PDB file of N, CA and C in Angstrom:
ATOM      1  N   ASP A   1     -14.881 -21.650   7.944  1.00  0.00           N
ATOM      2  CA  ASP A   1     -13.700 -22.277   7.359  1.00  0.00           C
ATOM      3  C   ASP A   1     -13.703 -23.753   7.751  1.00  0.00           C
ATOM      4  N   PRO A   2     -13.889 -24.663   6.803  1.00  0.00           N
ATOM      5  CA  PRO A   2     -13.988 -26.081   7.150  1.00  0.00           C
ATOM      6  C   PRO A   2     -12.687 -26.684   7.679  1.00  0.00           C
ATOM      7  N   ILE A   3     -11.535 -26.100   7.384  1.00  0.00           N
ATOM      8  CA  ILE A   3     -10.258 -26.650   7.832  1.00  0.00           C
ATOM      9  C   ILE A   3      -9.888 -26.108   9.220  1.00  0.00           C
ATOM     10  N   LYS A   4     -10.562 -25.137   9.683  1.00  0.00           N
ATOM     11  CA  LYS A   4     -10.315 -24.537  10.994  1.00  0.00           C
ATOM     12  C   LYS A   4      -8.919 -23.916  11.117  1.00  0.00           C
ATOM     13  N   ARG A   5      -8.516 -23.217  10.085  1.00  0.00           N
ATOM     14  CA  ARG A   5      -7.245 -22.487  10.141  1.00  0.00           C
ATOM     15  C   ARG A   5      -7.431 -21.222  10.969  1.00  0.00           C
ATOM     16  N   PRO A   6      -6.374 -20.811  11.642  1.00  0.00           N
ATOM     17  CA  PRO A   6      -6.498 -19.545  12.382  1.00  0.00           C
ATOM     18  C   PRO A   6      -6.667 -18.383  11.398  1.00  0.00           C
ATOM     19  N   ARG A   7      -7.447 -17.436  11.763  1.00  0.00           N
ATOM     20  CA  ARG A   7      -7.673 -16.264  10.914  1.00  0.00           C
ATOM     21  C   ARG A   7      -6.816 -15.114  11.416  1.00  0.00           C
ATOM     22  N   GLU A   8      -6.328 -14.365  10.464  1.00  0.00           N
ATOM     23  CA  GLU A   8      -5.496 -13.217  10.818  1.00  0.00           C
ATOM     24  C   GLU A   8      -6.396 -12.019  11.076  1.00  0.00           C
ATOM     25  N   HIS A   9      -6.095 -11.298  12.129  1.00  0.00           N
ATOM     26  CA  HIS A   9      -6.840 -10.087  12.458  1.00  0.00           C
ATOM     27  C   HIS A   9      -5.875  -8.916  12.484  1.00  0.00           C
ATOM     28  N   TYR A  10      -6.391  -7.737  12.163  1.00  0.00           N
ATOM     29  CA  TYR A  10      -5.554  -6.546  12.100  1.00  0.00           C
ATOM     30  C   TYR A  10      -5.963  -5.550  13.178  1.00  0.00           C
ATOM     31  N   HIS A  11      -4.978  -4.900  13.716  1.00  0.00           N
ATOM     32  CA  HIS A  11      -5.205  -3.890  14.742  1.00  0.00           C
ATOM     33  C   HIS A  11      -6.033  -2.743  14.140  1.00  0.00           C
ATOM     34  N   PRO A  12      -6.940  -2.170  14.886  1.00  0.00           N
ATOM     35  CA  PRO A  12      -7.768  -1.080  14.375  1.00  0.00           C
ATOM     36  C   PRO A  12      -6.965   0.118  13.843  1.00  0.00           C
ATOM     37  N   ASP A  13      -5.816   0.397  14.446  1.00  0.00           N
ATOM     38  CA  ASP A  13      -4.993   1.512  13.952  1.00  0.00           C
ATOM     39  C   ASP A  13      -4.459   1.220  12.556  1.00  0.00           C
ATOM     40  N   LEU A  14      -4.063  -0.031  12.312  1.00  0.00           N
ATOM     41  CA  LEU A  14      -3.583  -0.420  10.988  1.00  0.00           C
ATOM     42  C   LEU A  14      -4.721  -0.352   9.967  1.00  0.00           C
ATOM     43  N   VAL A  15      -5.881  -0.834  10.339  1.00  0.00           N
ATOM     44  CA  VAL A  15      -7.048  -0.773   9.456  1.00  0.00           C
ATOM     45  C   VAL A  15      -7.360   0.680   9.099  1.00  0.00           C
ATOM     46  N   ALA A  16      -7.297   1.565  10.067  1.00  0.00           N
ATOM     47  CA  ALA A  16      -7.568   2.987   9.831  1.00  0.00           C
ATOM     48  C   ALA A  16      -6.543   3.587   8.863  1.00  0.00           C
ATOM     49  N   LEU A  17      -5.259   3.226   9.015  1.00  0.00           N
ATOM     50  CA  LEU A  17      -4.223   3.733   8.116  1.00  0.00           C
ATOM     51  C   LEU A  17      -4.424   3.236   6.690  1.00  0.00           C
ATOM     52  N   ILE A  18      -4.743   1.959   6.544  1.00  0.00           N
ATOM     53  CA  ILE A  18      -4.979   1.392   5.208  1.00  0.00           C
ATOM     54  C   ILE A  18      -6.182   2.072   4.562  1.00  0.00           C
ATOM     55  N   TYR A  19      -7.241   2.207   5.310  1.00  0.00           N
ATOM     56  CA  TYR A  19      -8.450   2.840   4.792  1.00  0.00           C
ATOM     57  C   TYR A  19      -8.167   4.277   4.342  1.00  0.00           C
ATOM     58  N   LYS A  20      -7.425   5.012   5.158  1.00  0.00           N
ATOM     59  CA  LYS A  20      -7.103   6.409   4.830  1.00  0.00           C
ATOM     60  C   LYS A  20      -6.283   6.479   3.542  1.00  0.00           C
ATOM     61  N   LYS A  21      -5.307   5.576   3.401  1.00  0.00           N
ATOM     62  CA  LYS A  21      -4.455   5.580   2.204  1.00  0.00           C
ATOM     63  C   LYS A  21      -5.269   5.253   0.954  1.00  0.00           C
ATOM     64  N   ILE A  22      -6.126   4.266   1.041  1.00  0.00           N
ATOM     65  CA  ILE A  22      -6.925   3.866  -0.111  1.00  0.00           C
ATOM     66  C   ILE A  22      -7.963   4.929  -0.448  1.00  0.00           C
ATOM     67  N   LYS A  23      -8.596   5.475   0.560  1.00  0.00           N
ATOM     68  CA  LYS A  23      -9.651   6.466   0.343  1.00  0.00           C
ATOM     69  C   LYS A  23      -9.107   7.735  -0.317  1.00  0.00           C
ATOM     70  N   GLY A  24      -7.851   8.082  -0.036  1.00  0.00           N
ATOM     71  CA  GLY A  24      -7.263   9.306  -0.572  1.00  0.00           C
ATOM     72  C   GLY A  24      -6.804   9.219  -2.015  1.00  0.00           C
ATOM     73  N   ARG A  25      -6.839   8.024  -2.604  1.00  0.00           N
ATOM     74  CA  ARG A  25      -6.382   7.878  -3.988  1.00  0.00           C
ATOM     75  C   ARG A  25      -7.412   8.445  -4.956  1.00  0.00           C
ATOM     76  N   GLU A  26      -6.910   9.045  -6.018  1.00  0.00           N
ATOM     77  CA  GLU A  26      -7.791   9.630  -7.032  1.00  0.00           C
ATOM     78  C   GLU A  26      -7.418   9.072  -8.399  1.00  0.00           C
ATOM     79  N   PHE A  27      -8.410   9.006  -9.281  1.00  0.00           N
ATOM     80  CA  PHE A  27      -8.127   8.677 -10.666  1.00  0.00           C
ATOM     81  C   PHE A  27      -7.508   9.890 -11.343  1.00  0.00           C
ATOM     82  N   ALA A  28      -6.679   9.640 -12.318  1.00  0.00           N
ATOM     83  CA  ALA A  28      -6.023  10.732 -13.036  1.00  0.00           C
ATOM     84  C   ALA A  28      -7.046  11.516 -13.847  1.00  0.00           C
ATOM     85  N   PRO A  29      -6.889  12.831 -13.878  1.00  0.00           N
ATOM     86  CA  PRO A  29      -7.725  13.611 -14.791  1.00  0.00           C
ATOM     87  C   PRO A  29      -7.472  13.125 -16.230  1.00  0.00           C
ATOM     88  N   THR A  30      -8.441  13.294 -17.079  1.00  0.00           N
ATOM     89  CA  THR A  30      -8.391  12.760 -18.442  1.00  0.00           C
ATOM     90  C   THR A  30      -7.167  13.181 -19.232  1.00  0.00           C
ATOM     91  N   ASN A  31      -6.707  14.381 -19.045  1.00  0.00           N
ATOM     92  CA  ASN A  31      -5.613  14.900 -19.873  1.00  0.00           C
ATOM     93  C   ASN A  31      -4.222  14.663 -19.274  1.00  0.00           C
ATOM     94  N   TRP A  32      -4.110  13.961 -18.156  1.00  0.00           N
ATOM     95  CA  TRP A  32      -2.819  13.591 -17.582  1.00  0.00           C
ATOM     96  C   TRP A  32      -2.433  12.224 -18.136  1.00  0.00           C
ATOM     97  N   ARG A  33      -1.129  11.965 -18.304  1.00  0.00           N
ATOM     98  CA  ARG A  33      -0.654  10.708 -18.876  1.00  0.00           C
ATOM     99  C   ARG A  33       0.447  10.099 -18.011  1.00  0.00           C
ATOM    100  N   THR A  34       0.529   8.776 -18.058  1.00  0.00           N
ATOM    101  CA  THR A  34       1.655   8.072 -17.447  1.00  0.00           C
ATOM    102  C   THR A  34       2.812   8.054 -18.439  1.00  0.00           C
ATOM    103  N   ASN A  35       3.971   7.681 -17.957  1.00  0.00           N
ATOM    104  CA  ASN A  35       5.137   7.541 -18.821  1.00  0.00           C
ATOM    105  C   ASN A  35       4.829   6.559 -19.946  1.00  0.00           C
ATOM    106  N   LEU A  36       4.307   5.385 -19.608  1.00  0.00           N
ATOM    107  CA  LEU A  36       4.023   4.364 -20.611  1.00  0.00           C
ATOM    108  C   LEU A  36       2.958   4.832 -21.599  1.00  0.00           C
ATOM    109  N   GLY A  37       1.908   5.451 -21.094  1.00  0.00           N
ATOM    110  CA  GLY A  37       0.846   5.943 -21.978  1.00  0.00           C
ATOM    111  C   GLY A  37       1.367   6.969 -22.962  1.00  0.00           C
ATOM    112  N   LEU A  38       2.203   7.878 -22.485  1.00  0.00           N
ATOM    113  CA  LEU A  38       2.757   8.906 -23.357  1.00  0.00           C
ATOM    114  C   LEU A  38       3.766   8.310 -24.339  1.00  0.00           C
ATOM    115  N   ALA A  39       4.568   7.353 -23.873  1.00  0.00           N
ATOM    116  CA  ALA A  39       5.532   6.692 -24.762  1.00  0.00           C
ATOM    117  C   ALA A  39       4.804   5.998 -25.910  1.00  0.00           C
ATOM    118  N   ARG A  40       3.719   5.331 -25.603  1.00  0.00           N
ATOM    119  CA  ARG A  40       2.923   4.670 -26.657  1.00  0.00           C
ATOM    120  C   ARG A  40       2.298   5.690 -27.599  1.00  0.00           C
ATOM    121  N   GLU A  41       1.760   6.744 -27.024  1.00  0.00           N
ATOM    122  CA  GLU A  41       1.095   7.787 -27.813  1.00  0.00           C
ATOM    123  C   GLU A  41       2.057   8.452 -28.792  1.00  0.00           C
ATOM    124  N   LEU A  42       3.298   8.689 -28.347  1.00  0.00           N
ATOM    125  CA  LEU A  42       4.283   9.393 -29.174  1.00  0.00           C
ATOM    126  C   LEU A  42       5.219   8.439 -29.929  1.00  0.00           C
ATOM    127  N   SER A  43       5.096   7.144 -29.678  1.00  0.00           N
ATOM    128  CA  SER A  43       5.958   6.127 -30.313  1.00  0.00           C
ATOM    129  C   SER A  43       7.435   6.371 -30.036  1.00  0.00           C
ATOM    130  N   VAL A  44       7.734   6.613 -28.769  1.00  0.00           N
ATOM    131  CA  VAL A  44       9.126   6.744 -28.322  1.00  0.00           C
ATOM    132  C   VAL A  44       9.304   5.875 -27.085  1.00  0.00           C
ATOM    133  N   SER A  45      10.541   5.686 -26.664  1.00  0.00           N
ATOM    134  CA  SER A  45      10.804   4.825 -25.517  1.00  0.00           C
ATOM    135  C   SER A  45      10.393   5.494 -24.207  1.00  0.00           C
ATOM    136  N   ARG A  46      10.142   4.652 -23.224  1.00  0.00           N
ATOM    137  CA  ARG A  46       9.833   5.156 -21.890  1.00  0.00           C
ATOM    138  C   ARG A  46      11.032   5.913 -21.323  1.00  0.00           C
ATOM    139  N   GLY A  47      12.234   5.460 -21.655  1.00  0.00           N
ATOM    140  CA  GLY A  47      13.447   6.129 -21.192  1.00  0.00           C
ATOM    141  C   GLY A  47      13.547   7.547 -21.720  1.00  0.00           C
ATOM    142  N   THR A  48      13.193   7.732 -22.996  1.00  0.00           N
ATOM    143  CA  THR A  48      13.207   9.074 -23.585  1.00  0.00           C
ATOM    144  C   THR A  48      12.218   9.976 -22.859  1.00  0.00           C
ATOM    145  N   ILE A  49      11.013   9.464 -22.638  1.00  0.00           N
ATOM    146  CA  ILE A  49       9.988  10.248 -21.930  1.00  0.00           C
ATOM    147  C   ILE A  49      10.497  10.614 -20.541  1.00  0.00           C
ATOM    148  N   LYS A  50      11.056   9.650 -19.839  1.00  0.00           N
ATOM    149  CA  LYS A  50      11.544   9.891 -18.472  1.00  0.00           C
ATOM    150  C   LYS A  50      12.649  10.935 -18.445  1.00  0.00           C
ATOM    151  N   ARG A  51      13.609  10.834 -19.358  1.00  0.00           N
ATOM    152  CA  ARG A  51      14.718  11.810 -19.373  1.00  0.00           C
ATOM    153  C   ARG A  51      14.209  13.223 -19.624  1.00  0.00           C
ATOM    154  N   VAL A  52      13.320  13.381 -20.577  1.00  0.00           N
ATOM    155  CA  VAL A  52      12.786  14.720 -20.854  1.00  0.00           C
ATOM    156  C   VAL A  52      11.961  15.211 -19.662  1.00  0.00           C
ATOM    157  N   ALA A  53      11.094  14.358 -19.140  1.00  0.00           N
ATOM    158  CA  ALA A  53      10.250  14.750 -18.001  1.00  0.00           C
ATOM    159  C   ALA A  53      11.099  15.137 -16.794  1.00  0.00           C
ATOM    160  N   ASP A  54      12.107  14.315 -16.498  1.00  0.00           N
ATOM    161  CA  ASP A  54      12.943  14.575 -15.322  1.00  0.00           C
ATOM    162  C   ASP A  54      13.683  15.900 -15.401  1.00  0.00           C
ATOM    163  N   SER A  55      13.917  16.387 -16.608  1.00  0.00           N
ATOM    164  CA  SER A  55      14.611  17.671 -16.743  1.00  0.00           C
ATOM    165  C   SER A  55      13.763  18.842 -16.232  1.00  0.00           C
ATOM    166  N   PHE A  56      12.461  18.610 -16.035  1.00  0.00           N
ATOM    167  CA  PHE A  56      11.553  19.651 -15.526  1.00  0.00           C
ATOM    168  C   PHE A  56      11.127  19.407 -14.083  1.00  0.00           C
ATOM    169  N   ARG A  57      11.533  18.306 -13.497  1.00  0.00           N
ATOM    170  CA  ARG A  57      11.047  17.894 -12.179  1.00  0.00           C
ATOM    171  C   ARG A  57      11.387  18.898 -11.070  1.00  0.00           C
ATOM    172  N   THR A  58      12.585  19.424 -11.065  1.00  0.00           N
ATOM    173  CA  THR A  58      13.002  20.349  -9.999  1.00  0.00           C
ATOM    174  C   THR A  58      12.243  21.670 -10.072  1.00  0.00           C
ATOM    175  N   ASP A  59      12.116  22.220 -11.276  1.00  0.00           N
ATOM    176  CA  ASP A  59      11.442  23.514 -11.429  1.00  0.00           C
ATOM    177  C   ASP A  59       9.921  23.420 -11.359  1.00  0.00           C
ATOM    178  N   HIS A  60       9.372  22.250 -11.689  1.00  0.00           N
ATOM    179  CA  HIS A  60       7.903  22.101 -11.727  1.00  0.00           C
ATOM    180  C   HIS A  60       7.451  20.794 -11.085  1.00  0.00           C
ATOM    181  N   PRO A  61       7.657  20.647  -9.788  1.00  0.00           N
ATOM    182  CA  PRO A  61       7.234  19.397  -9.133  1.00  0.00           C
ATOM    183  C   PRO A  61       5.717  19.180  -9.208  1.00  0.00           C
ATOM    184  N   GLU A  62       4.970  20.249  -9.397  1.00  0.00           N
ATOM    185  CA  GLU A  62       3.507  20.139  -9.488  1.00  0.00           C
ATOM    186  C   GLU A  62       3.049  19.436 -10.772  1.00  0.00           C
ATOM    187  N   TRP A  63       3.947  19.247 -11.718  1.00  0.00           N
ATOM    188  CA  TRP A  63       3.628  18.552 -12.975  1.00  0.00           C
ATOM    189  C   TRP A  63       3.712  17.035 -12.831  1.00  0.00           C
ATOM    190  N   PHE A  64       4.041  16.536 -11.645  1.00  0.00           N
ATOM    191  CA  PHE A  64       4.218  15.106 -11.391  1.00  0.00           C
ATOM    192  C   PHE A  64       3.323  14.709 -10.221  1.00  0.00           C
ATOM    193  N   LYS A  65       2.317  13.880 -10.474  1.00  0.00           N
ATOM    194  CA  LYS A  65       1.385  13.481  -9.407  1.00  0.00           C
ATOM    195  C   LYS A  65       1.107  11.985  -9.485  1.00  0.00           C
ATOM    196  N   GLN A  66       0.866  11.415  -8.319  1.00  0.00           N
ATOM    197  CA  GLN A  66       0.482  10.012  -8.233  1.00  0.00           C
ATOM    198  C   GLN A  66      -1.043   9.916  -8.330  1.00  0.00           C
ATOM    199  N   TYR A  67      -1.507   9.192  -9.335  1.00  0.00           N
ATOM    200  CA  TYR A  67      -2.934   8.950  -9.526  1.00  0.00           C
ATOM    201  C   TYR A  67      -3.149   7.473  -9.822  1.00  0.00           C
ATOM    202  N   ILE A  68      -4.397   7.044  -9.723  1.00  0.00           N
ATOM    203  CA  ILE A  68      -4.758   5.684 -10.101  1.00  0.00           C
ATOM    204  C   ILE A  68      -4.868   5.641 -11.621  1.00  0.00           C
ATOM    205  N   ASP A  69      -4.252   4.616 -12.219  1.00  0.00           N
ATOM    206  CA  ASP A  69      -4.338   4.470 -13.671  1.00  0.00           C
ATOM    207  C   ASP A  69      -5.534   3.588 -14.048  1.00  0.00           C
ATOM    208  N   SER A  70      -5.657   3.277 -15.315  1.00  0.00           N
ATOM    209  CA  SER A  70      -6.798   2.494 -15.801  1.00  0.00           C
ATOM    210  C   SER A  70      -6.799   1.060 -15.271  1.00  0.00           C
ATOM    211  N   ASN A  71      -5.665   0.588 -14.759  1.00  0.00           N
ATOM    212  CA  ASN A  71      -5.573  -0.751 -14.172  1.00  0.00           C
ATOM    213  C   ASN A  71      -5.670  -0.725 -12.646  1.00  0.00           C
ATOM    214  N   TYR A  72      -6.075   0.415 -12.099  1.00  0.00           N
ATOM    215  CA  TYR A  72      -6.243   0.599 -10.654  1.00  0.00           C
ATOM    216  C   TYR A  72      -4.921   0.504  -9.882  1.00  0.00           C
ATOM    217  N   HIS A  73      -3.827   0.840 -10.545  1.00  0.00           N
ATOM    218  CA  HIS A  73      -2.525   0.921  -9.882  1.00  0.00           C
ATOM    219  C   HIS A  73      -2.169   2.390  -9.717  1.00  0.00           C
ATOM    220  N   THR A  74      -1.499   2.709  -8.633  1.00  0.00           N
ATOM    221  CA  THR A  74      -1.042   4.076  -8.437  1.00  0.00           C
ATOM    222  C   THR A  74       0.240   4.267  -9.243  1.00  0.00           C
ATOM    223  N   GLN A  75       0.220   5.232 -10.128  1.00  0.00           N
ATOM    224  CA  GLN A  75       1.354   5.514 -11.008  1.00  0.00           C
ATOM    225  C   GLN A  75       1.582   7.023 -11.062  1.00  0.00           C
ATOM    226  N   GLU A  76       2.804   7.393 -11.363  1.00  0.00           N
ATOM    227  CA  GLU A  76       3.087   8.805 -11.586  1.00  0.00           C
ATOM    228  C   GLU A  76       2.469   9.218 -12.922  1.00  0.00           C
ATOM    229  N   HIS A  77       1.821  10.370 -12.902  1.00  0.00           N
ATOM    230  CA  HIS A  77       1.209  10.935 -14.104  1.00  0.00           C
ATOM    231  C   HIS A  77       1.815  12.310 -14.371  1.00  0.00           C
ATOM    232  N   TYR A  78       1.825  12.674 -15.635  1.00  0.00           N
ATOM    233  CA  TYR A  78       2.389  13.956 -16.066  1.00  0.00           C
ATOM    234  C   TYR A  78       1.287  14.947 -16.416  1.00  0.00           C
ATOM    235  N   HIS A  79       1.489  16.188 -16.006  1.00  0.00           N
ATOM    236  CA  HIS A  79       0.582  17.310 -16.258  1.00  0.00           C
ATOM    237  C   HIS A  79       0.545  17.634 -17.761  1.00  0.00           C
ATOM    238  N   PRO A  80      -0.582  18.126 -18.262  1.00  0.00           N
ATOM    239  CA  PRO A  80      -0.686  18.489 -19.685  1.00  0.00           C
ATOM    240  C   PRO A  80       0.392  19.473 -20.173  1.00  0.00           C
ATOM    241  N   ASP A  81       0.814  20.421 -19.324  1.00  0.00           N
ATOM    242  CA  ASP A  81       1.878  21.352 -19.739  1.00  0.00           C
ATOM    243  C   ASP A  81       3.187  20.612 -19.976  1.00  0.00           C
ATOM    244  N   LEU A  82       3.467  19.626 -19.134  1.00  0.00           N
ATOM    245  CA  LEU A  82       4.674  18.820 -19.301  1.00  0.00           C
ATOM    246  C   LEU A  82       4.544  17.937 -20.544  1.00  0.00           C
ATOM    247  N   ILE A  83       3.385  17.371 -20.751  1.00  0.00           N
ATOM    248  CA  ILE A  83       3.151  16.535 -21.937  1.00  0.00           C
ATOM    249  C   ILE A  83       3.426  17.331 -23.206  1.00  0.00           C
ATOM    250  N   LYS A  84       2.950  18.566 -23.237  1.00  0.00           N
ATOM    251  CA  LYS A  84       3.177  19.421 -24.407  1.00  0.00           C
ATOM    252  C   LYS A  84       4.673  19.634 -24.643  1.00  0.00           C
ATOM    253  N   LEU A  85       5.418  19.911 -23.575  1.00  0.00           N
ATOM    254  CA  LEU A  85       6.867  20.126 -23.708  1.00  0.00           C
ATOM    255  C   LEU A  85       7.594  18.851 -24.145  1.00  0.00           C
ATOM    256  N   ILE A  86       7.169  17.712 -23.608  1.00  0.00           N
ATOM    257  CA  ILE A  86       7.773  16.440 -24.015  1.00  0.00           C
ATOM    258  C   ILE A  86       7.492  16.193 -25.499  1.00  0.00           C
ATOM    259  N   HIS A  87       6.274  16.435 -25.912  1.00  0.00           N
ATOM    260  CA  HIS A  87       5.901  16.266 -27.320  1.00  0.00           C
ATOM    261  C   HIS A  87       6.752  17.166 -28.220  1.00  0.00           C
ATOM    262  N   GLU A  88       6.886  18.418 -27.840  1.00  0.00           N
ATOM    263  CA  GLU A  88       7.707  19.350 -28.624  1.00  0.00           C
ATOM    264  C   GLU A  88       9.162  18.891 -28.690  1.00  0.00           C
ATOM    265  N   GLU A  89       9.679  18.374 -27.588  1.00  0.00           N
ATOM    266  CA  GLU A  89      11.066  17.908 -27.559  1.00  0.00           C
ATOM    267  C   GLU A  89      11.263  16.685 -28.454  1.00  0.00           C
ATOM    268  N   THR A  90      10.302  15.775 -28.467  1.00  0.00           N
ATOM    269  CA  THR A  90      10.445  14.610 -29.341  1.00  0.00           C
ATOM    270  C   THR A  90      10.395  15.023 -30.809  1.00  0.00           C
ATOM    271  N   ILE A  91       9.595  16.027 -31.128  1.00  0.00           N
ATOM    272  CA  ILE A  91       9.561  16.540 -32.511  1.00  0.00           C
ATOM    273  C   ILE A  91      10.902  17.192 -32.836  1.00  0.00           C
ATOM    274  N   ARG A  92      11.413  17.996 -31.906  1.00  0.00           N
ATOM    275  CA  ARG A  92      12.690  18.670 -32.136  1.00  0.00           C
ATOM    276  C   ARG A  92      13.809  17.672 -32.377  1.00  0.00           C
ATOM    277  N   ARG A  93      13.772  16.566 -31.673  1.00  0.00           N
ATOM    278  CA  ARG A  93      14.800  15.530 -31.820  1.00  0.00           C
ATOM    279  C   ARG A  93      14.549  14.596 -33.000  1.00  0.00           C
ATOM    280  N   GLY A  94      13.405  14.743 -33.647  1.00  0.00           N
ATOM    281  CA  GLY A  94      13.079  13.873 -34.770  1.00  0.00           C
ATOM    282  C   GLY A  94      12.750  12.456 -34.337  1.00  0.00           C
ATOM    283  N   LEU A  95      12.093  12.316 -33.188  1.00  0.00           N
ATOM    284  CA  LEU A  95      11.784  10.994 -32.656  1.00  0.00           C
ATOM    285  C   LEU A  95      10.308  10.668 -32.800  1.00  0.00           C
ATOM    286  N   GLY A  96      10.003   9.391 -32.802  1.00  0.00           N
ATOM    287  CA  GLY A  96       8.627   8.926 -32.739  1.00  0.00           C
ATOM    288  C   GLY A  96       7.854   9.117 -34.011  1.00  0.00           C
ATOM    289  N   LYS A  97       6.542   9.035 -33.880  1.00  0.00           N
ATOM    290  CA  LYS A  97       5.668   9.079 -35.059  1.00  0.00           C
ATOM    291  C   LYS A  97       5.601  10.468 -35.683  1.00  0.00           C
ATOM    292  N   ASN A  98       6.097  11.485 -34.987  1.00  0.00           N
ATOM    293  CA  ASN A  98       6.079  12.843 -35.538  1.00  0.00           C
ATOM    294  C   ASN A  98       7.370  13.196 -36.257  1.00  0.00           C
ATOM    295  N   ALA A  99       8.299  12.237 -36.328  1.00  0.00           N
ATOM    296  CA  ALA A  99       9.608  12.486 -36.931  1.00  0.00           C
ATOM    297  C   ALA A  99       9.504  12.633 -38.438  1.00  0.00           C
TER     298      ALA A  99
END
């Protein structure tokens, strides 16, 4: 460093925690979708997707998982069974491109 600024160092325990958190992240399986991805796919608002999805959250928490998205951000993704139910609900309501 030509300016001779002090360099920041991290405690080994912190480095280990960061490494563990990053290493444990997984990419989403192909058939799982984010709220935004599903909203775009079905041509409905993100709010609509969220309201329908949230109605299943208590009974099926396994349908909601944090995965890495295509932009390398950790986002909540929806299980294919939930996606199917959301799709059916948007059709029932006459919303989106399936209306």
